[in-house]
Amino acid sequence: MDIVFIRDLRIETVIGIYDWEREITQTVVFDLEMGADIKRAAESDAIEDALDYKAVSKRLVSFVRESKFQLVETLAERCADIVLDEFNVPWVRLTLNKIGAVSMARDVGVIIERSRSD
């Protein structure tokens, strides 16, 4: 299996459990690795045969900007579901980073792996 990836996708959203977090937007950063078979796309050189990482990025940006989840875990699960279901990938590894969530750490977050059978 091949991997199509997106790194450092930065999106502003409302996220957090504290009252003050519900009144501001914060930056979350996504890294995605998505299982794909790129052979057909490589042979045809046509975007229709490829996993369109621009389309994936645009869809996630739209969804995340409109979301207002409290937990990064919830946001990560919903985004993984979108990638699996709407883009028909068999597997995704998603890293969701909430920069500055802990004052003594550069960043914190979750890494999840999901597949169509999960």
Protein backbone atom coordinates (compact mmCIF):
# COMPACT_ATOMS: atom_id res chain seq x y z
CA MET A 1 0.00 0.00 0.00
CA ASP A 2 1.17 3.49 -0.83
CA ILE A 3 0.74 6.54 1.37
CA VAL A 4 -0.49 9.98 0.37
CA PHE A 5 0.28 12.54 3.07
CA ILE A 6 -0.59 16.06 4.17
CA ARG A 7 1.69 17.78 6.67
CA ASP A 8 1.21 20.87 8.81
CA LEU A 9 -2.37 21.68 7.79
CA ARG A 10 -3.17 24.61 10.09
CA ILE A 11 -6.80 25.46 10.81
CA GLU A 12 -8.42 27.98 13.15
CA THR A 13 -11.34 26.64 15.18
CA VAL A 14 -13.15 26.80 18.48
CA ILE A 15 -11.87 23.93 20.61
CA GLY A 16 -11.53 23.37 24.32
CA ILE A 17 -13.28 22.67 27.58
CA TYR A 18 -12.78 26.00 29.36
CA ASP A 19 -15.20 28.91 29.07
CA TRP A 20 -12.52 31.22 27.69
CA GLU A 21 -11.69 28.67 24.97
CA ARG A 22 -15.31 28.68 23.82
CA GLU A 23 -15.01 32.42 23.03
CA ILE A 24 -11.87 32.36 20.86
CA THR A 25 -10.41 30.46 17.95
CA GLN A 26 -7.24 28.44 18.32
CA THR A 27 -4.93 26.88 15.77
CA VAL A 28 -4.93 23.12 15.41
CA VAL A 29 -2.42 21.39 13.18
CA PHE A 30 -3.07 18.20 11.26
CA ASP A 31 -0.70 15.66 9.76
CA LEU A 32 -2.37 12.92 7.75
CA GLU A 33 -1.14 9.74 6.16
CA MET A 34 -3.70 8.02 3.96
CA GLY A 35 -3.48 4.59 2.44
CA ALA A 36 -3.82 4.59 -1.31
CA ASP A 37 -2.87 2.61 -4.37
CA ILE A 38 -1.21 5.19 -6.59
CA LYS A 39 -0.42 2.81 -9.46
CA ARG A 40 -3.45 3.72 -11.58
CA ALA A 41 -2.88 7.45 -11.10
CA ALA A 42 0.79 7.07 -11.97
CA GLU A 43 -0.10 5.22 -15.18
CA SER A 44 -2.86 7.59 -16.29
CA ASP A 45 -1.36 10.82 -14.94
CA ALA A 46 -4.96 11.91 -14.26
CA ILE A 47 -6.20 13.50 -11.05
CA GLU A 48 -9.42 11.48 -11.35
CA ASP A 49 -7.39 8.37 -10.61
CA ALA A 50 -5.56 9.87 -7.64
CA LEU A 51 -6.37 10.59 -4.02
CA ASP A 52 -6.77 14.35 -4.35
CA TYR A 53 -4.95 15.77 -1.33
CA LYS A 54 -6.16 19.29 -2.16
CA ALA A 55 -9.78 18.11 -1.99
CA VAL A 56 -9.09 16.33 1.31
CA SER A 57 -7.48 19.47 2.72
CA LYS A 58 -10.31 21.75 1.61
CA ARG A 59 -12.93 19.42 3.09
CA LEU A 60 -11.15 19.21 6.44
CA VAL A 61 -10.57 22.96 6.59
CA SER A 62 -14.27 23.58 5.95
CA PHE A 63 -15.37 21.05 8.56
CA VAL A 64 -12.89 22.05 11.27
CA ARG A 65 -13.54 25.80 10.91
CA GLU A 66 -17.26 25.21 11.50
CA SER A 67 -16.82 22.74 14.37
CA LYS A 68 -16.98 23.62 18.03
CA PHE A 69 -15.88 20.44 19.79
CA GLN A 70 -14.56 20.44 23.32
CA LEU A 71 -12.06 17.58 22.93
CA VAL A 72 -9.31 17.04 20.36
CA GLU A 73 -10.22 13.35 20.54
CA THR A 74 -13.69 14.07 19.16
CA LEU A 75 -12.38 16.33 16.42
CA ALA A 76 -9.77 13.74 15.40
CA GLU A 77 -12.37 10.95 15.19
CA ARG A 78 -14.74 13.05 13.08
CA CYS A 79 -11.98 14.06 10.69
CA ALA A 80 -10.78 10.47 10.33
CA ASP A 81 -14.37 9.44 9.53
CA ILE A 82 -14.57 12.09 6.80
CA VAL A 83 -11.35 10.89 5.19
CA LEU A 84 -12.35 7.22 5.33
CA ASP A 85 -15.94 7.67 4.20
CA GLU A 86 -15.85 10.55 1.74
CA PHE A 87 -12.51 9.84 0.10
CA ASN A 88 -12.77 6.06 0.17
CA VAL A 89 -9.35 5.41 1.66
CA PRO A 90 -8.79 2.08 3.40
CA TRP A 91 -6.61 3.49 6.19
CA VAL A 92 -5.67 6.82 7.77
CA ARG A 93 -3.21 7.93 10.44
CA LEU A 94 -4.13 11.37 11.73
CA THR A 95 -2.11 13.53 14.10
CA LEU A 96 -3.99 16.43 15.66
CA ASN A 97 -1.85 18.95 17.47
CA LYS A 98 -3.26 21.68 19.73
CA ILE A 99 -0.39 24.13 19.93
CA GLY A 100 0.07 25.82 23.28
CA ALA A 101 -2.51 23.78 25.16
CA VAL A 102 -0.01 23.10 27.94
CA SER A 103 2.16 26.06 28.91
CA MET A 104 5.36 24.08 29.42
CA ALA A 105 5.01 22.03 26.22
CA ARG A 106 5.40 23.13 22.62
CA ASP A 107 2.35 21.14 21.61
CA VAL A 108 0.02 18.35 22.64
CA GLY A 109 -2.56 16.27 20.87
CA VAL A 110 -3.55 12.84 19.66
CA ILE A 111 -2.45 10.38 17.01
CA ILE A 112 -5.07 7.96 15.77
CA GLU A 113 -5.07 5.22 13.16
CA ARG A 114 -8.33 4.07 11.67
CA SER A 115 -9.26 1.72 8.88
CA ARG A 116 -12.48 0.82 7.15
CA SER A 117 -12.80 -2.27 9.35
CA ASP A 118 -12.52 -0.30 12.66
